[in-house]
Protein backbone atom coordinates (compact mmCIF):
# COMPACT_ATOMS: atom_id res chain seq x y z
CA MET A 1 286.35 78.71 48.95
CA GLU A 2 288.00 75.84 51.00
CA GLN A 3 284.53 74.01 50.79
CA VAL A 4 284.68 74.15 46.41
CA LYS A 5 288.34 73.16 46.55
CA THR A 6 287.41 70.11 48.86
CA LEU A 7 284.38 68.78 46.50
CA LEU A 8 286.75 69.14 43.32
CA GLU A 9 289.14 67.00 44.86
CA SER A 10 286.34 64.11 45.84
CA GLN A 11 285.42 64.36 42.34
CA GLY A 12 288.87 64.02 40.98
CA LYS A 13 289.48 60.98 43.04
CA ALA A 14 285.92 59.76 42.65
CA PHE A 15 286.69 59.68 38.83
CA GLU A 16 290.30 57.71 39.29
CA ALA A 17 288.60 55.16 41.27
CA PHE A 18 285.25 55.05 38.41
CA LYS A 19 288.65 55.06 35.76
CA GLU A 20 290.02 52.16 37.49
CA ALA A 21 286.61 50.29 37.92
CA ASN A 22 285.48 50.41 34.69
CA ASP A 23 288.75 49.70 32.85
CA ALA A 24 288.22 46.28 34.39
CA ARG A 25 284.56 45.82 33.22
CA LEU A 26 285.31 47.22 29.74
CA LYS A 27 288.20 44.27 30.26
CA ALA A 28 285.99 41.48 31.53
CA ILE A 29 283.77 42.30 28.62
CA GLU A 30 286.60 41.98 26.27
CA GLU A 31 288.11 38.63 27.82
CA LYS A 32 284.72 36.87 29.12
CA GLY A 33 281.79 38.60 26.82
CA TYR A 34 280.37 39.71 29.97
CA ALA A 35 281.30 42.03 33.20
CA PRO A 36 280.69 40.51 36.30
CA ALA A 37 277.92 41.85 37.87
CA ASP A 38 280.01 43.36 41.07
CA LEU A 39 282.11 45.48 38.76
CA THR A 40 279.14 47.00 36.84
CA GLU A 41 277.75 47.60 40.76
CA LYS A 42 280.64 49.40 41.15
CA VAL A 43 280.93 51.42 38.15
CA ASP A 44 277.09 52.36 38.76
CA ALA A 45 277.73 52.84 42.54
CA ILE A 46 280.95 55.85 41.57
CA ASN A 47 279.01 57.34 39.27
CA ALA A 48 276.05 57.75 41.62
CA ASP A 49 278.41 59.35 44.00
CA LEU A 50 279.68 61.82 41.07
CA ALA A 51 276.20 62.85 40.71
CA LYS A 52 275.50 63.20 44.75
CA LEU A 53 278.82 65.37 44.68
CA ASP A 54 277.58 67.44 41.73
CA LYS A 55 274.04 68.24 43.70
CA ASP A 56 276.35 68.81 46.75
CA TYR A 57 278.68 71.81 45.22
CA THR A 58 275.18 73.11 43.48
CA GLU A 59 273.13 73.30 46.99
CA PHE A 60 276.58 75.41 48.11
CA ILE A 61 276.96 77.81 45.47
CA LYS A 62 273.82 78.55 45.87
CA LYS A 63 273.96 79.17 49.39
CA ALA A 64 277.02 81.13 49.01
CA GLN A 65 275.42 83.28 46.49
CA ARG A 66 272.65 84.72 48.75
CA PRO A 67 273.59 88.45 48.43
CA ASP A 68 274.84 90.18 51.98
CA ALA A 69 272.03 92.67 53.15
CA GLY A 70 275.09 94.58 54.29
CA GLU A 71 274.91 98.14 55.42
CA LEU A 72 271.51 100.08 53.86
CA ALA A 73 270.91 103.58 53.06
CA GLU A 74 268.42 105.64 55.47
CA GLU A 75 265.56 105.27 52.84
CA GLN A 76 266.51 101.60 52.03
CA ALA A 77 266.81 101.00 55.86
CA GLU A 78 262.95 102.78 56.40
CA HIS A 79 261.80 101.23 52.97
CA ALA A 80 262.81 98.13 54.60
CA LYS A 81 261.02 98.34 57.76
CA ALA A 82 258.01 99.35 56.03
CA PHE A 83 258.23 95.98 53.83
CA ASP A 84 258.71 93.79 56.51
CA LYS A 85 255.73 95.35 58.62
CA LEU A 86 253.58 94.56 54.94
CA LEU A 87 254.75 90.91 55.44
CA ARG A 88 254.31 90.43 59.34
CA LYS A 89 251.21 92.29 59.43
CA GLY A 90 249.39 93.19 56.17
CA ARG A 91 249.93 97.08 57.24
CA ALA A 92 250.95 99.07 53.80
CA ASP A 93 250.36 102.41 54.79
CA ASP A 94 254.11 102.97 55.36
CA LEU A 95 255.18 101.22 52.21
CA GLU A 96 252.69 103.42 49.64
CA ALA A 97 255.13 106.24 49.30
CA PHE A 98 257.67 104.24 49.01
CA ASN A 99 255.87 102.02 46.15
CA THR A 100 255.14 104.84 44.26
CA LYS A 101 259.05 105.80 44.25
CA ALA A 102 260.12 102.74 43.13
CA MET A 103 257.95 102.78 40.27
CA ASN A 104 258.74 103.67 36.99
CA GLY A 105 259.00 103.01 33.00
CA LEU A 106 260.32 99.48 33.70
CA SER A 107 258.04 97.99 36.98
CA ASP A 108 254.38 97.47 37.19
CA PRO A 109 253.34 96.51 40.41
CA ASP A 110 250.03 95.13 39.05
CA GLY A 111 247.89 95.29 41.78
CA GLY A 112 250.45 94.18 44.45
CA TYR A 113 253.71 95.63 45.88
CA LEU A 114 256.85 95.93 44.28
CA ILE A 115 259.78 93.50 46.72
CA LEU A 116 262.66 94.94 48.00
CA PRO A 117 265.92 95.07 45.22
CA GLU A 118 267.40 92.79 48.00
CA MET A 119 264.84 90.43 47.94
CA ASP A 120 265.01 90.34 43.89
CA LYS A 121 268.72 89.94 44.16
CA ILE A 122 268.31 86.62 45.77
CA ILE A 123 265.47 85.61 43.33
CA GLU A 124 267.85 86.18 40.20
CA ARG A 125 270.59 85.15 41.70
CA ILE A 126 269.26 81.61 42.87
CA VAL A 127 267.87 80.50 39.11
CA PRO A 128 271.33 80.41 37.25
CA THR A 129 272.75 77.48 39.80
CA ILE A 130 269.79 75.27 39.18
CA SER A 131 269.19 76.01 35.66
CA ALA A 132 272.77 75.77 33.86
CA ILE A 133 270.98 77.37 30.71
CA GLY A 134 269.43 80.03 32.57
CA ARG A 135 273.28 80.77 33.53
CA LEU A 136 274.71 80.83 30.43
CA ALA A 137 272.22 82.65 28.28
CA SER A 138 272.54 86.09 28.00
CA ASN A 139 269.76 88.14 29.87
CA VAL A 140 267.76 91.19 28.83
CA THR A 141 265.32 93.58 31.03
CA ILE A 142 262.70 95.20 29.30
CA GLY A 143 259.72 97.62 29.75
CA SER A 144 257.24 95.78 27.19
CA ALA A 145 255.95 93.01 26.50
CA LYS A 146 258.07 91.85 24.32
CA TRP A 147 261.98 91.75 23.10
CA GLU A 148 262.48 92.31 19.48
CA LYS A 149 265.35 92.20 16.92
CA LEU A 150 266.38 91.76 13.83
CA MET A 151 269.24 89.05 12.88
CA LYS A 152 271.17 88.92 10.01
CA THR A 153 270.79 85.33 8.25
CA SER A 154 272.92 85.87 5.45
CA GLY A 155 275.80 88.53 5.01
CA MET A 156 277.08 90.16 1.31
CA ALA A 157 278.88 88.57 -1.04
CA MET A 158 282.01 90.19 -2.20
CA ARG A 159 282.73 90.44 -6.45
CA ARG A 160 285.63 91.32 -8.42
CA VAL A 161 285.61 93.68 -10.94
CA ALA A 162 288.01 94.22 -13.78
CA ASP A 163 289.70 97.36 -15.11
CA GLY A 164 287.40 99.10 -17.10
CA GLY A 165 284.61 96.83 -16.53
CA THR A 166 280.95 97.69 -14.82
CA GLY A 167 280.40 96.53 -11.25
CA GLY A 168 276.54 95.64 -10.39
CA GLU A 169 274.91 94.56 -7.27
CA THR A 170 275.98 91.96 -5.52
CA THR A 171 273.75 89.62 -3.08
CA GLU A 172 271.73 91.47 -0.40
CA PRO A 173 272.17 90.60 3.30
CA LYS A 174 268.91 89.03 4.48
CA TYR A 175 267.10 89.77 7.73
CA SER A 176 264.88 87.89 10.35
CA LYS A 177 262.75 89.39 12.94
CA VAL A 178 263.25 87.55 16.41
CA ALA A 179 260.46 88.17 19.10
CA ILE A 180 260.37 86.63 22.41
CA GLU A 181 257.83 87.48 25.14
CA ALA A 182 257.64 87.80 28.34
CA PHE A 183 254.89 85.87 30.56
CA VAL A 184 253.43 85.98 34.08
CA ALA A 185 254.34 83.83 36.45
CA GLU A 186 253.74 83.18 40.00
CA VAL A 187 255.19 81.55 43.12
CA GLU A 188 253.09 81.57 46.23
CA PRO A 189 254.88 80.30 49.43
CA TRP A 190 253.04 80.24 52.44
CA VAL A 191 254.04 81.35 56.42
CA TYR A 192 252.05 80.26 59.59
CA ASN A 193 250.70 83.23 61.20
CA GLU A 194 252.71 82.33 64.25
CA THR A 195 256.24 82.83 62.40
CA LEU A 196 254.97 86.50 61.27
CA GLU A 197 255.23 86.96 65.20
CA ASP A 198 258.70 86.33 65.64
CA ALA A 199 260.75 89.31 64.96
CA TYR A 200 263.95 87.09 64.90
CA VAL A 201 263.14 85.47 61.69
CA ASN A 202 264.87 86.91 58.19
CA LEU A 203 261.06 86.87 56.59
CA ALA A 204 261.99 88.91 53.72
CA SER A 205 264.85 86.07 53.06
CA ASP A 206 263.41 82.85 53.56
CA LEU A 207 260.57 83.84 51.62
CA ALA A 208 262.84 84.92 48.61
CA GLU A 209 264.92 81.97 49.16
CA GLU A 210 261.62 80.23 48.73
CA ALA A 211 259.95 81.98 45.40
CA GLY A 212 263.64 81.78 44.32
CA ILE A 213 263.90 78.04 44.13
CA GLY A 214 260.37 77.55 42.46
CA PHE A 215 260.73 80.45 39.62
CA ALA A 216 264.15 79.10 39.27
CA GLU A 217 262.92 75.47 38.70
CA GLY A 218 259.88 76.49 36.84
CA ALA A 219 261.84 78.52 34.57
CA GLY A 220 264.98 75.67 34.58
CA SER A 221 262.51 73.67 32.91
CA GLU A 222 261.36 75.85 30.05
CA PHE A 223 264.68 76.83 29.17
CA ALA A 224 264.81 73.27 28.11
CA ILE A 225 261.61 71.80 27.19
CA GLY A 226 259.15 74.87 27.41
CA ASP A 227 256.81 74.75 24.22
CA GLY A 228 256.63 78.23 24.34
CA VAL A 229 252.94 78.70 24.40
CA GLY A 230 252.27 80.97 27.88
CA LYS A 231 255.94 80.51 28.87
CA ALA A 232 259.72 80.45 28.12
CA LYS A 233 260.48 78.16 24.55
CA GLY A 234 262.95 75.35 25.03
CA ILE A 235 266.10 74.49 23.43
CA THR A 236 264.75 71.56 22.89
CA ALA A 237 261.42 72.89 21.56
CA TYR A 238 262.19 74.10 18.21
CA THR A 239 261.75 72.26 14.66
CA THR A 240 264.81 70.36 14.18
CA VAL A 241 266.36 68.95 10.68
CA ALA A 242 269.47 67.23 10.35
CA ASN A 243 272.84 69.68 10.29
CA ALA A 244 273.01 68.68 6.29
CA SER A 245 269.32 70.22 5.86
CA TYR A 246 270.17 73.23 8.38
CA ALA A 247 268.17 76.31 7.40
CA TRP A 248 268.10 79.67 9.62
CA GLY A 249 264.65 78.97 11.87
CA SER A 250 265.40 75.45 12.93
CA VAL A 251 267.70 73.84 15.02
CA GLY A 252 270.38 71.32 13.35
CA TYR A 253 270.76 68.13 14.69
CA ILE A 254 273.36 65.11 14.77
CA ALA A 255 272.38 61.76 15.23
CA SER A 256 273.78 59.55 17.65
CA GLY A 257 273.45 56.45 15.60
CA ALA A 258 271.18 54.36 17.31
CA ALA A 259 267.28 54.41 18.62
CA GLY A 260 267.81 56.25 21.84
CA ALA A 261 270.99 54.74 22.38
CA PHE A 262 274.76 56.09 21.54
CA ALA A 263 275.84 53.51 18.38
CA THR A 264 277.53 50.23 19.90
CA SER A 265 280.56 50.89 17.29
CA ALA A 266 282.53 54.24 17.81
CA PRO A 267 279.75 56.03 20.27
CA ALA A 268 282.04 58.71 20.36
CA ASP A 269 282.27 59.80 16.90
CA GLU A 270 279.14 61.44 16.80
CA LEU A 271 280.02 63.64 19.38
CA VAL A 272 282.90 64.61 17.24
CA GLN A 273 280.76 65.18 14.80
CA LEU A 274 278.27 67.06 17.08
CA GLN A 275 280.98 69.43 18.03
CA HIS A 276 282.15 70.64 14.52
CA SER A 277 278.43 70.21 13.36
CA LEU A 278 279.09 74.11 15.04
CA LYS A 279 280.44 76.91 13.43
CA GLN A 280 283.79 77.58 14.27
CA GLN A 281 283.27 81.27 15.56
CA TYR A 282 280.81 79.88 17.98
CA ARG A 283 283.30 77.47 19.66
CA PRO A 284 284.78 80.17 21.69
CA GLY A 285 282.40 79.77 24.77
CA ALA A 286 280.70 76.71 23.70
CA VAL A 287 279.98 73.79 25.86
CA PHE A 288 278.05 70.75 25.94
CA VAL A 289 274.84 70.58 27.85
CA MET A 290 273.00 67.31 29.00
CA SER A 291 271.48 65.90 32.03
CA ASP A 292 273.74 63.86 35.00
CA GLY A 293 272.37 61.21 34.18
CA THR A 294 273.68 61.25 30.19
CA LEU A 295 276.87 62.57 31.46
CA SER A 296 277.23 58.84 33.36
CA SER A 297 277.00 57.36 30.36
CA VAL A 298 279.14 59.88 28.52
CA ARG A 299 282.27 59.32 31.14
CA GLN A 300 282.56 55.81 30.41
CA MET A 301 283.39 56.62 26.61
CA LYS A 302 287.07 56.41 25.43
CA ASP A 303 288.49 57.31 22.25
CA GLY A 304 289.20 55.17 19.15
CA SER A 305 292.07 53.24 20.33
CA GLY A 306 291.17 52.97 23.93
CA SER A 307 293.94 55.02 25.24
CA TYR A 308 292.16 57.46 27.63
CA TYR A 309 288.75 58.73 28.49
CA LEU A 310 286.78 61.25 26.46
CA TRP A 311 285.51 62.91 29.72
CA GLN A 312 288.25 64.71 32.12
CA SER A 313 287.56 66.38 35.93
CA ASP A 314 288.71 69.94 35.05
CA PRO A 315 288.25 72.18 38.79
CA THR A 316 288.49 75.01 36.42
CA ALA A 317 285.30 73.79 34.42
CA GLY A 318 283.06 72.74 37.49
CA PHE A 319 281.06 69.74 38.71
CA GLY A 320 280.83 68.82 34.51
CA GLY A 321 284.38 68.58 33.52
CA ARG A 322 285.56 68.51 30.43
CA LEU A 323 284.27 66.52 27.12
CA LEU A 324 286.31 66.51 23.63
CA GLY A 325 287.78 69.79 25.37
CA SER A 326 284.56 71.63 26.05
CA PRO A 327 283.52 72.44 29.28
CA VAL A 328 280.21 70.39 30.16
CA GLU A 329 277.41 71.71 31.91
CA VAL A 330 275.30 69.38 33.86
CA ASP A 331 270.98 70.37 33.43
CA ASP A 332 268.81 68.15 34.96
CA ASN A 333 265.82 69.52 32.86
CA MET A 334 267.65 68.40 29.76
CA PRO A 335 265.66 65.04 28.32
CA THR A 336 266.89 61.82 29.11
CA ILE A 337 267.99 59.41 26.88
CA ALA A 338 264.80 57.81 24.77
CA ALA A 339 264.17 56.79 21.13
CA ASN A 340 264.55 60.32 19.39
CA SER A 341 264.96 62.28 22.65
CA LEU A 342 267.30 65.36 21.98
CA SER A 343 269.48 64.80 25.15
CA ILE A 344 272.57 66.81 24.33
CA ALA A 345 273.24 70.05 23.01
CA TYR A 346 276.36 71.59 21.72
CA GLY A 347 276.67 75.53 21.55
CA ASN A 348 277.36 78.83 22.23
CA ILE A 349 274.60 79.61 24.93
CA ALA A 350 274.92 83.11 25.28
CA ARG A 351 274.89 83.46 21.68
CA ALA A 352 271.97 80.83 20.78
CA TYR A 353 269.39 81.98 23.97
CA LYS A 354 268.01 85.21 25.50
CA VAL A 355 266.39 85.14 29.03
CA VAL A 356 264.13 88.23 28.96
CA ASN A 357 263.13 89.30 31.90
CA ARG A 358 260.33 92.26 32.36
CA ALA A 359 261.22 94.27 35.77
CA GLY A 360 259.74 94.36 39.01
CA THR A 361 258.87 91.30 40.81
CA THR A 362 255.47 92.02 42.96
CA VAL A 363 253.74 90.34 45.86
CA ILE A 364 250.63 90.31 47.38
CA ARG A 365 250.12 88.83 51.26
CA ASP A 366 246.79 86.88 51.44
CA ASN A 367 245.56 86.01 55.25
CA ILE A 368 242.06 85.26 54.25
CA THR A 369 241.92 81.79 52.14
CA SER A 370 243.79 79.72 54.69
CA LYS A 371 243.15 79.62 58.14
CA GLY A 372 246.09 79.98 60.34
CA GLN A 373 248.12 80.91 57.72
CA THR A 374 249.71 83.94 55.47
CA LYS A 375 250.30 83.12 51.52
CA PHE A 376 252.81 85.34 49.80
CA ASN A 377 251.94 85.34 46.02
CA PHE A 378 255.02 86.34 44.04
CA ARG A 379 254.93 87.33 40.19
CA ARG A 380 257.21 87.76 37.89
CA ARG A 381 257.38 88.05 34.42
CA PHE A 382 260.06 86.22 31.87
CA GLY A 383 260.45 84.35 28.78
CA GLY A 384 263.01 82.79 27.07
CA GLY A 385 263.70 81.42 23.44
CA ILE A 386 266.30 80.92 20.92
CA TYR A 387 267.05 84.15 19.01
CA ASN A 388 270.70 82.97 17.13
CA PHE A 389 269.77 79.40 15.44
CA GLU A 390 273.38 78.86 14.07
CA ALA A 391 274.90 79.03 17.52
CA LEU A 392 273.42 75.97 18.64
CA LYS A 393 273.34 72.09 18.06
CA LEU A 394 271.54 69.28 19.28
CA MET A 395 272.23 65.56 19.00
CA LYS A 396 269.14 63.31 18.67
CA PHE A 397 269.33 59.55 20.16
CA ALA A 398 267.89 58.00 16.84
CA ALA A 399 269.60 55.92 14.04
CA SER A 400 269.66 59.21 11.75
């Protein structure tokens, strides 16, 4: 797309300007012991421009991924017409037959009406544009309250048997059951009653986009920091241990070397260590995940000799670019850098994190509680959690 190309080209130019300004800032610190305010302000301004370009890119992708309704089959068209009548006038008589027909083992209207598949697609497509973790995670749709799987935590060991010798039992594999529950979430956009009377408004699309943004923002936060109590459990909410003491059920971390900051000496060494703390079999497809504020600090890092920047813009890796050869995914739901914060993740998110969806989004129309307005209560059931603790590592901003 031409607009995406333009945005990526603008990012490349901005980063070249950033490197020039930051090099001047670093040289001033080396020669004078401090950086002039104008140079520091220039670096901060370019960093802000890079952050804005990233947000513009995200907004463009969100709009571009809105599904096109296209030509509907006769029954779908009748269903859409009946559903539009429900949204505008509250008349559900024509929709009852379709709603019953749409029910199956995976859907549960729970007192409401199943929304159109096109509306569900809009909601499902908006979530990944707001949450990098939600986009990268593996997704599964279930028809029960929770998703369960046995994960092998250790394999069997081989042994050699001498000629004529007797064999014996080798170590047996160990398993751990992982369970991720789908919880109820709701979003309630409202519409002026006058708008409901406007036949030219694509009401279904507008409501789906509003609901999608609401679900996406809530889910994105949960996938990063959710405590798992009636909601998804985020990647930073599990028990963490120094990676040298890693055991299944916890997430290993590498310390940054300083409380609430990168180490003052060779700060990039810990990023290299974080990358290599992940087992080799998970590195293909592995990414760094961090907020834009954290990335603005990482962008300023150079290798030990000061020859090149560790972060590089890369059109094939999106706006996050690449760090130490791995793509960077910007997710502002990740914690900002603070004492003991878990602000950077590195891992194969698809092999580490599972998003569990209970099929069937429902809507309840309420034109009673607010005079002059009609509320539309959208309900979905979803959850999320780590299902493979080996495939994810975190950086803890602490001395050890």
